[in-house]
Amino acid sequence: MALFLLTYGYHQTDERAARRDEHLAYLNKLKEDGALVAAGPYEDLTGGAILLNAASQEDAASLVDGDPYTRANVTKDRYLRQWRVTVGEL
């Protein structure tokens, strides 16, 4: 397994509030399954970051594609890349 970091911004849309409960339920399910390490919005609420555990870039992208925020086009400027911890531990 490898770590993948997703960063993103938000579109100005009412779908963000409408899909929030689904989005959080999805993230909690990923956490239960061991695929999510941490997730949350930036302090200024302009976007957020999600740290995922996945076997490959394709698997991580599939997890992102399953998020209700992605499906409803709530997020923009999504950037997903593999990330390695060199100092500290998770």
PDB file of N, CA and C in Angstrom:
ATOM      1  N   MET A   1       0.845  -1.179   0.000  1.00  0.00           N
ATOM      2  CA  MET A   1       0.000   0.000   0.000  1.00  0.00           C
ATOM      3  C   MET A   1       0.889   1.241   0.000  1.00  0.00           C
ATOM      4  N   ALA A   2       0.363   2.270  -0.612  1.00  0.00           N
ATOM      5  CA  ALA A   2       1.063   3.543  -0.694  1.00  0.00           C
ATOM      6  C   ALA A   2       0.112   4.659  -0.270  1.00  0.00           C
ATOM      7  N   LEU A   3       0.685   5.795   0.066  1.00  0.00           N
ATOM      8  CA  LEU A   3      -0.108   6.960   0.432  1.00  0.00           C
ATOM      9  C   LEU A   3      -0.307   7.849  -0.790  1.00  0.00           C
ATOM     10  N   PHE A   4      -1.509   8.400  -0.907  1.00  0.00           N
ATOM     11  CA  PHE A   4      -1.845   9.316  -1.989  1.00  0.00           C
ATOM     12  C   PHE A   4      -2.529  10.537  -1.381  1.00  0.00           C
ATOM     13  N   LEU A   5      -2.074  11.703  -1.793  1.00  0.00           N
ATOM     14  CA  LEU A   5      -2.624  12.954  -1.281  1.00  0.00           C
ATOM     15  C   LEU A   5      -3.474  13.611  -2.363  1.00  0.00           C
ATOM     16  N   LEU A   6      -4.716  13.873  -2.022  1.00  0.00           N
ATOM     17  CA  LEU A   6      -5.629  14.599  -2.900  1.00  0.00           C
ATOM     18  C   LEU A   6      -5.809  15.998  -2.329  1.00  0.00           C
ATOM     19  N   THR A   7      -5.585  17.012  -3.158  1.00  0.00           N
ATOM     20  CA  THR A   7      -5.913  18.383  -2.783  1.00  0.00           C
ATOM     21  C   THR A   7      -6.945  18.888  -3.775  1.00  0.00           C
ATOM     22  N   TYR A   8      -7.792  19.798  -3.327  1.00  0.00           N
ATOM     23  CA  TYR A   8      -8.875  20.271  -4.191  1.00  0.00           C
ATOM     24  C   TYR A   8      -9.431  21.596  -3.690  1.00  0.00           C
ATOM     25  N   GLY A   9     -10.139  22.283  -4.578  1.00  0.00           N
ATOM     26  CA  GLY A   9     -10.894  23.481  -4.226  1.00  0.00           C
ATOM     27  C   GLY A   9     -12.376  23.178  -4.378  1.00  0.00           C
ATOM     28  N   TYR A  10     -13.208  24.135  -4.060  1.00  0.00           N
ATOM     29  CA  TYR A  10     -14.666  23.971  -4.174  1.00  0.00           C
ATOM     30  C   TYR A  10     -15.229  24.880  -5.257  1.00  0.00           C
ATOM     31  N   HIS A  11     -16.186  24.344  -6.008  1.00  0.00           N
ATOM     32  CA  HIS A  11     -16.994  25.183  -6.889  1.00  0.00           C
ATOM     33  C   HIS A  11     -18.018  25.914  -6.032  1.00  0.00           C
ATOM     34  N   GLN A  12     -18.466  27.059  -6.477  1.00  0.00           N
ATOM     35  CA  GLN A  12     -19.554  27.769  -5.807  1.00  0.00           C
ATOM     36  C   GLN A  12     -20.865  27.106  -6.234  1.00  0.00           C
ATOM     37  N   THR A  13     -21.360  26.213  -5.401  1.00  0.00           N
ATOM     38  CA  THR A  13     -22.564  25.462  -5.735  1.00  0.00           C
ATOM     39  C   THR A  13     -23.304  25.061  -4.466  1.00  0.00           C
ATOM     40  N   ASP A  14     -24.618  25.003  -4.566  1.00  0.00           N
ATOM     41  CA  ASP A  14     -25.431  24.541  -3.440  1.00  0.00           C
ATOM     42  C   ASP A  14     -25.268  23.043  -3.210  1.00  0.00           C
ATOM     43  N   GLU A  15     -24.691  22.343  -4.185  1.00  0.00           N
ATOM     44  CA  GLU A  15     -24.483  20.898  -4.053  1.00  0.00           C
ATOM     45  C   GLU A  15     -23.541  20.561  -2.905  1.00  0.00           C
ATOM     46  N   ARG A  16     -22.662  21.474  -2.552  1.00  0.00           N
ATOM     47  CA  ARG A  16     -21.728  21.197  -1.452  1.00  0.00           C
ATOM     48  C   ARG A  16     -22.502  20.926  -0.166  1.00  0.00           C
ATOM     49  N   ALA A  17     -23.428  21.787   0.183  1.00  0.00           N
ATOM     50  CA  ALA A  17     -24.233  21.584   1.389  1.00  0.00           C
ATOM     51  C   ALA A  17     -25.166  20.388   1.222  1.00  0.00           C
ATOM     52  N   ALA A  18     -25.734  20.243   0.033  1.00  0.00           N
ATOM     53  CA  ALA A  18     -26.688  19.159  -0.211  1.00  0.00           C
ATOM     54  C   ALA A  18     -26.029  17.785  -0.137  1.00  0.00           C
ATOM     55  N   ARG A  19     -24.759  17.684  -0.498  1.00  0.00           N
ATOM     56  CA  ARG A  19     -24.049  16.389  -0.536  1.00  0.00           C
ATOM     57  C   ARG A  19     -23.128  16.154   0.653  1.00  0.00           C
ATOM     58  N   ARG A  20     -23.075  17.108   1.578  1.00  0.00           N
ATOM     59  CA  ARG A  20     -22.104  17.014   2.680  1.00  0.00           C
ATOM     60  C   ARG A  20     -22.268  15.738   3.508  1.00  0.00           C
ATOM     61  N   ASP A  21     -23.490  15.390   3.885  1.00  0.00           N
ATOM     62  CA  ASP A  21     -23.697  14.180   4.696  1.00  0.00           C
ATOM     63  C   ASP A  21     -23.252  12.927   3.949  1.00  0.00           C
ATOM     64  N   GLU A  22     -23.554  12.858   2.646  1.00  0.00           N
ATOM     65  CA  GLU A  22     -23.122  11.714   1.832  1.00  0.00           C
ATOM     66  C   GLU A  22     -21.594  11.667   1.746  1.00  0.00           C
ATOM     67  N   HIS A  23     -20.982  12.824   1.537  1.00  0.00           N
ATOM     68  CA  HIS A  23     -19.526  12.933   1.445  1.00  0.00           C
ATOM     69  C   HIS A  23     -18.881  12.434   2.745  1.00  0.00           C
ATOM     70  N   LEU A  24     -19.375  12.898   3.881  1.00  0.00           N
ATOM     71  CA  LEU A  24     -18.811  12.484   5.169  1.00  0.00           C
ATOM     72  C   LEU A  24     -19.044  10.994   5.430  1.00  0.00           C
ATOM     73  N   ALA A  25     -20.191  10.485   5.058  1.00  0.00           N
ATOM     74  CA  ALA A  25     -20.460   9.054   5.216  1.00  0.00           C
ATOM     75  C   ALA A  25     -19.496   8.233   4.358  1.00  0.00           C
ATOM     76  N   TYR A  26     -19.247   8.702   3.145  1.00  0.00           N
ATOM     77  CA  TYR A  26     -18.308   8.023   2.252  1.00  0.00           C
ATOM     78  C   TYR A  26     -16.906   8.018   2.861  1.00  0.00           C
ATOM     79  N   LEU A  27     -16.454   9.166   3.359  1.00  0.00           N
ATOM     80  CA  LEU A  27     -15.132   9.250   3.969  1.00  0.00           C
ATOM     81  C   LEU A  27     -15.037   8.363   5.210  1.00  0.00           C
ATOM     82  N   ASN A  28     -16.079   8.329   6.023  1.00  0.00           N
ATOM     83  CA  ASN A  28     -16.075   7.466   7.203  1.00  0.00           C
ATOM     84  C   ASN A  28     -16.009   5.997   6.816  1.00  0.00           C
ATOM     85  N   LYS A  29     -16.663   5.616   5.730  1.00  0.00           N
ATOM     86  CA  LYS A  29     -16.604   4.228   5.236  1.00  0.00           C
ATOM     87  C   LYS A  29     -15.188   3.911   4.765  1.00  0.00           C
ATOM     88  N   LEU A  30     -14.563   4.854   4.051  1.00  0.00           N
ATOM     89  CA  LEU A  30     -13.178   4.640   3.631  1.00  0.00           C
ATOM     90  C   LEU A  30     -12.264   4.476   4.843  1.00  0.00           C
ATOM     91  N   LYS A  31     -12.497   5.255   5.895  1.00  0.00           N
ATOM     92  CA  LYS A  31     -11.701   5.154   7.129  1.00  0.00           C
ATOM     93  C   LYS A  31     -11.872   3.771   7.754  1.00  0.00           C
ATOM     94  N   GLU A  32     -13.106   3.316   7.846  1.00  0.00           N
ATOM     95  CA  GLU A  32     -13.388   1.979   8.399  1.00  0.00           C
ATOM     96  C   GLU A  32     -12.701   0.891   7.594  1.00  0.00           C
ATOM     97  N   ASP A  33     -12.631   1.063   6.276  1.00  0.00           N
ATOM     98  CA  ASP A  33     -12.028   0.075   5.382  1.00  0.00           C
ATOM     99  C   ASP A  33     -10.507   0.168   5.329  1.00  0.00           C
ATOM    100  N   GLY A  34      -9.927   1.181   5.989  1.00  0.00           N
ATOM    101  CA  GLY A  34      -8.484   1.350   6.004  1.00  0.00           C
ATOM    102  C   GLY A  34      -7.929   2.112   4.811  1.00  0.00           C
ATOM    103  N   ALA A  35      -8.805   2.669   3.977  1.00  0.00           N
ATOM    104  CA  ALA A  35      -8.355   3.388   2.785  1.00  0.00           C
ATOM    105  C   ALA A  35      -8.138   4.880   3.033  1.00  0.00           C
ATOM    106  N   LEU A  36      -8.644   5.403   4.129  1.00  0.00           N
ATOM    107  CA  LEU A  36      -8.495   6.826   4.422  1.00  0.00           C
ATOM    108  C   LEU A  36      -7.654   7.007   5.673  1.00  0.00           C
ATOM    109  N   VAL A  37      -6.646   7.861   5.580  1.00  0.00           N
ATOM    110  CA  VAL A  37      -5.801   8.173   6.727  1.00  0.00           C
ATOM    111  C   VAL A  37      -6.345   9.400   7.444  1.00  0.00           C
ATOM    112  N   ALA A  38      -6.621  10.456   6.688  1.00  0.00           N
ATOM    113  CA  ALA A  38      -7.137  11.702   7.248  1.00  0.00           C
ATOM    114  C   ALA A  38      -7.760  12.530   6.137  1.00  0.00           C
ATOM    115  N   ALA A  39      -8.682  13.401   6.513  1.00  0.00           N
ATOM    116  CA  ALA A  39      -9.339  14.275   5.541  1.00  0.00           C
ATOM    117  C   ALA A  39      -9.879  15.496   6.249  1.00  0.00           C
ATOM    118  N   GLY A  40      -9.943  16.598   5.519  1.00  0.00           N
ATOM    119  CA  GLY A  40     -10.546  17.787   6.087  1.00  0.00           C
ATOM    120  C   GLY A  40     -10.366  18.999   5.200  1.00  0.00           C
ATOM    121  N   PRO A  41     -11.166  20.038   5.495  1.00  0.00           N
ATOM    122  CA  PRO A  41     -11.094  21.270   4.709  1.00  0.00           C
ATOM    123  C   PRO A  41      -9.958  22.170   5.210  1.00  0.00           C
ATOM    124  N   TYR A  42      -9.567  23.088   4.337  1.00  0.00           N
ATOM    125  CA  TYR A  42      -8.645  24.137   4.760  1.00  0.00           C
ATOM    126  C   TYR A  42      -9.387  25.050   5.735  1.00  0.00           C
ATOM    127  N   GLU A  43      -8.648  25.742   6.566  1.00  0.00           N
ATOM    128  CA  GLU A  43      -9.252  26.621   7.574  1.00  0.00           C
ATOM    129  C   GLU A  43     -10.171  27.668   6.951  1.00  0.00           C
ATOM    130  N   ASP A  44      -9.796  28.172   5.770  1.00  0.00           N
ATOM    131  CA  ASP A  44     -10.617  29.199   5.126  1.00  0.00           C
ATOM    132  C   ASP A  44     -11.755  28.619   4.283  1.00  0.00           C
ATOM    133  N   LEU A  45     -11.907  27.302   4.292  1.00  0.00           N
ATOM    134  CA  LEU A  45     -12.997  26.579   3.607  1.00  0.00           C
ATOM    135  C   LEU A  45     -13.010  26.779   2.091  1.00  0.00           C
ATOM    136  N   THR A  46     -11.851  27.066   1.497  1.00  0.00           N
ATOM    137  CA  THR A  46     -11.776  27.198   0.041  1.00  0.00           C
ATOM    138  C   THR A  46     -11.489  25.874  -0.652  1.00  0.00           C
ATOM    139  N   GLY A  47     -11.210  24.843   0.120  1.00  0.00           N
ATOM    140  CA  GLY A  47     -10.885  23.527  -0.415  1.00  0.00           C
ATOM    141  C   GLY A  47     -10.478  22.616   0.709  1.00  0.00           C
ATOM    142  N   GLY A  48      -9.786  21.544   0.366  1.00  0.00           N
ATOM    143  CA  GLY A  48      -9.382  20.606   1.394  1.00  0.00           C
ATOM    144  C   GLY A  48      -8.366  19.612   0.883  1.00  0.00           C
ATOM    145  N   ALA A  49      -8.073  18.624   1.729  1.00  0.00           N
ATOM    146  CA  ALA A  49      -7.107  17.585   1.396  1.00  0.00           C
ATOM    147  C   ALA A  49      -7.583  16.263   1.987  1.00  0.00           C
ATOM    148  N   ILE A  50      -7.262  15.191   1.276  1.00  0.00           N
ATOM    149  CA  ILE A  50      -7.590  13.843   1.723  1.00  0.00           C
ATOM    150  C   ILE A  50      -6.342  12.985   1.529  1.00  0.00           C
ATOM    151  N   LEU A  51      -5.949  12.258   2.563  1.00  0.00           N
ATOM    152  CA  LEU A  51      -4.814  11.346   2.497  1.00  0.00           C
ATOM    153  C   LEU A  51      -5.351   9.919   2.460  1.00  0.00           C
ATOM    154  N   LEU A  52      -5.026   9.218   1.382  1.00  0.00           N
ATOM    155  CA  LEU A  52      -5.562   7.881   1.133  1.00  0.00           C
ATOM    156  C   LEU A  52      -4.472   6.819   1.165  1.00  0.00           C
ATOM    157  N   ASN A  53      -4.861   5.599   1.527  1.00  0.00           N
ATOM    158  CA  ASN A  53      -4.047   4.393   1.411  1.00  0.00           C
ATOM    159  C   ASN A  53      -4.584   3.626   0.224  1.00  0.00           C
ATOM    160  N   ALA A  54      -3.743   3.331  -0.752  1.00  0.00           N
ATOM    161  CA  ALA A  54      -4.210   2.568  -1.913  1.00  0.00           C
ATOM    162  C   ALA A  54      -3.044   1.795  -2.517  1.00  0.00           C
ATOM    163  N   ALA A  55      -3.356   0.768  -3.281  1.00  0.00           N
ATOM    164  CA  ALA A  55      -2.329  -0.064  -3.903  1.00  0.00           C
ATOM    165  C   ALA A  55      -1.689   0.610  -5.104  1.00  0.00           C
ATOM    166  N   SER A  56      -2.412   1.517  -5.757  1.00  0.00           N
ATOM    167  CA  SER A  56      -1.897   2.152  -6.965  1.00  0.00           C
ATOM    168  C   SER A  56      -2.574   3.508  -7.171  1.00  0.00           C
ATOM    169  N   GLN A  57      -2.015   4.285  -8.090  1.00  0.00           N
ATOM    170  CA  GLN A  57      -2.612   5.565  -8.468  1.00  0.00           C
ATOM    171  C   GLN A  57      -4.035   5.347  -8.987  1.00  0.00           C
ATOM    172  N   GLU A  58      -4.219   4.293  -9.766  1.00  0.00           N
ATOM    173  CA  GLU A  58      -5.539   3.989 -10.328  1.00  0.00           C
ATOM    174  C   GLU A  58      -6.541   3.671  -9.230  1.00  0.00           C
ATOM    175  N   ASP A  59      -6.119   2.903  -8.233  1.00  0.00           N
ATOM    176  CA  ASP A  59      -7.012   2.579  -7.114  1.00  0.00           C
ATOM    177  C   ASP A  59      -7.366   3.838  -6.319  1.00  0.00           C
ATOM    178  N   ALA A  60      -6.383   4.699  -6.095  1.00  0.00           N
ATOM    179  CA  ALA A  60      -6.643   5.950  -5.379  1.00  0.00           C
ATOM    180  C   ALA A  60      -7.610   6.816  -6.177  1.00  0.00           C
ATOM    181  N   ALA A  61      -7.417   6.898  -7.493  1.00  0.00           N
ATOM    182  CA  ALA A  61      -8.308   7.686  -8.346  1.00  0.00           C
ATOM    183  C   ALA A  61      -9.724   7.129  -8.307  1.00  0.00           C
ATOM    184  N   SER A  62      -9.857   5.825  -8.225  1.00  0.00           N
ATOM    185  CA  SER A  62     -11.179   5.202  -8.130  1.00  0.00           C
ATOM    186  C   SER A  62     -11.874   5.597  -6.827  1.00  0.00           C
ATOM    187  N   LEU A  63     -11.116   5.677  -5.740  1.00  0.00           N
ATOM    188  CA  LEU A  63     -11.686   6.111  -4.460  1.00  0.00           C
ATOM    189  C   LEU A  63     -12.169   7.550  -4.560  1.00  0.00           C
ATOM    190  N   VAL A  64     -11.391   8.401  -5.206  1.00  0.00           N
ATOM    191  CA  VAL A  64     -11.776   9.803  -5.393  1.00  0.00           C
ATOM    192  C   VAL A  64     -13.029   9.884  -6.270  1.00  0.00           C
ATOM    193  N   ASP A  65     -13.061   9.090  -7.330  1.00  0.00           N
ATOM    194  CA  ASP A  65     -14.211   9.109  -8.238  1.00  0.00           C
ATOM    195  C   ASP A  65     -15.504   8.669  -7.553  1.00  0.00           C
ATOM    196  N   GLY A  66     -15.398   7.854  -6.498  1.00  0.00           N
ATOM    197  CA  GLY A  66     -16.577   7.386  -5.783  1.00  0.00           C
ATOM    198  C   GLY A  66     -17.141   8.376  -4.779  1.00  0.00           C
ATOM    199  N   ASP A  67     -16.394   9.430  -4.493  1.00  0.00           N
ATOM    200  CA  ASP A  67     -16.829  10.433  -3.514  1.00  0.00           C
ATOM    201  C   ASP A  67     -18.029  11.213  -4.060  1.00  0.00           C
ATOM    202  N   PRO A  68     -19.088  11.348  -3.274  1.00  0.00           N
ATOM    203  CA  PRO A  68     -20.250  12.133  -3.721  1.00  0.00           C
ATOM    204  C   PRO A  68     -19.897  13.563  -4.130  1.00  0.00           C
ATOM    205  N   TYR A  69     -18.893  14.162  -3.514  1.00  0.00           N
ATOM    206  CA  TYR A  69     -18.471  15.497  -3.933  1.00  0.00           C
ATOM    207  C   TYR A  69     -17.887  15.473  -5.354  1.00  0.00           C
ATOM    208  N   THR A  70     -17.139  14.442  -5.675  1.00  0.00           N
ATOM    209  CA  THR A  70     -16.596  14.325  -7.030  1.00  0.00           C
ATOM    210  C   THR A  70     -17.728  14.086  -8.020  1.00  0.00           C
ATOM    211  N   ARG A  71     -18.608  13.163  -7.711  1.00  0.00           N
ATOM    212  CA  ARG A  71     -19.720  12.818  -8.614  1.00  0.00           C
ATOM    213  C   ARG A  71     -20.647  14.001  -8.860  1.00  0.00           C
ATOM    214  N   ALA A  72     -20.831  14.862  -7.857  1.00  0.00           N
ATOM    215  CA  ALA A  72     -21.720  16.023  -7.993  1.00  0.00           C
ATOM    216  C   ALA A  72     -20.971  17.267  -8.471  1.00  0.00           C
ATOM    217  N   ASN A  73     -19.693  17.113  -8.809  1.00  0.00           N
ATOM    218  CA  ASN A  73     -18.872  18.215  -9.300  1.00  0.00           C
ATOM    219  C   ASN A  73     -18.784  19.370  -8.294  1.00  0.00           C
ATOM    220  N   VAL A  74     -18.713  19.018  -7.017  1.00  0.00           N
ATOM    221  CA  VAL A  74     -18.559  20.018  -5.958  1.00  0.00           C
ATOM    222  C   VAL A  74     -17.113  20.514  -5.907  1.00  0.00           C
ATOM    223  N   THR A  75     -16.170  19.605  -6.173  1.00  0.00           N
ATOM    224  CA  THR A  75     -14.755  19.967  -6.085  1.00  0.00           C
ATOM    225  C   THR A  75     -14.187  20.322  -7.449  1.00  0.00           C
ATOM    226  N   LYS A  76     -13.133  21.122  -7.421  1.00  0.00           N
ATOM    227  CA  LYS A  76     -12.438  21.522  -8.646  1.00  0.00           C
ATOM    228  C   LYS A  76     -10.941  21.453  -8.393  1.00  0.00           C
ATOM    229  N   ASP A  77     -10.188  21.555  -9.443  1.00  0.00           N
ATOM    230  CA  ASP A  77      -8.728  21.580  -9.336  1.00  0.00           C
ATOM    231  C   ASP A  77      -8.202  20.425  -8.486  1.00  0.00           C
ATOM    232  N   ARG A  78      -8.807  19.246  -8.695  1.00  0.00           N
ATOM    233  CA  ARG A  78      -8.362  18.068  -7.942  1.00  0.00           C
ATOM    234  C   ARG A  78      -6.959  17.675  -8.409  1.00  0.00           C
ATOM    235  N   TYR A  79      -6.088  17.429  -7.445  1.00  0.00           N
ATOM    236  CA  TYR A  79      -4.717  17.024  -7.745  1.00  0.00           C
ATOM    237  C   TYR A  79      -4.389  15.846  -6.845  1.00  0.00           C
ATOM    238  N   LEU A  80      -4.181  14.678  -7.451  1.00  0.00           N
ATOM    239  CA  LEU A  80      -3.918  13.435  -6.721  1.00  0.00           C
ATOM    240  C   LEU A  80      -2.532  12.945  -7.094  1.00  0.00           C
ATOM    241  N   ARG A  81      -1.718  12.740  -6.075  1.00  0.00           N
ATOM    242  CA  ARG A  81      -0.386  12.197  -6.359  1.00  0.00           C
ATOM    243  C   ARG A  81       0.094  11.376  -5.181  1.00  0.00           C
ATOM    244  N   GLN A  82       1.012  10.452  -5.482  1.00  0.00           N
ATOM    245  CA  GLN A  82       1.573   9.614  -4.430  1.00  0.00           C
ATOM    246  C   GLN A  82       2.450  10.470  -3.532  1.00  0.00           C
ATOM    247  N   TRP A  83       2.426  10.158  -2.244  1.00  0.00           N
ATOM    248  CA  TRP A  83       3.151  10.927  -1.245  1.00  0.00           C
ATOM    249  C   TRP A  83       3.889   9.964  -0.324  1.00  0.00           C
ATOM    250  N   ARG A  84       5.151  10.274  -0.023  1.00  0.00           N
ATOM    251  CA  ARG A  84       5.948   9.454   0.898  1.00  0.00           C
ATOM    252  C   ARG A  84       6.320  10.249   2.135  1.00  0.00           C
ATOM    253  N   VAL A  85       6.152   9.634   3.270  1.00  0.00           N
ATOM    254  CA  VAL A  85       6.566  10.250   4.528  1.00  0.00           C
ATOM    255  C   VAL A  85       8.050   9.955   4.710  1.00  0.00           C
ATOM    256  N   THR A  86       8.860  10.998   4.864  1.00  0.00           N
ATOM    257  CA  THR A  86      10.293  10.802   5.102  1.00  0.00           C
ATOM    258  C   THR A  86      10.703  11.180   6.517  1.00  0.00           C
ATOM    259  N   VAL A  87       9.928  12.047   7.156  1.00  0.00           N
ATOM    260  CA  VAL A  87      10.203  12.437   8.530  1.00  0.00           C
ATOM    261  C   VAL A  87       8.907  12.354   9.299  1.00  0.00           C
ATOM    262  N   GLY A  88       8.926  11.735  10.444  1.00  0.00           N
ATOM    263  CA  GLY A  88       7.720  11.541  11.241  1.00  0.00           C
ATOM    264  C   GLY A  88       7.067  10.225  10.867  1.00  0.00           C
ATOM    265  N   GLU A  89       5.932   9.993  11.452  1.00  0.00           N
ATOM    266  CA  GLU A  89       5.204   8.752  11.173  1.00  0.00           C
ATOM    267  C   GLU A  89       3.719   8.985  11.336  1.00  0.00           C
ATOM    268  N   LEU A  90       2.970   8.175  10.649  1.00  0.00           N
ATOM    269  CA  LEU A  90       1.505   8.267  10.724  1.00  0.00           C
ATOM    270  C   LEU A  90       0.956   7.089  11.487  1.00  0.00           C
TER     271      LEU A  90
END
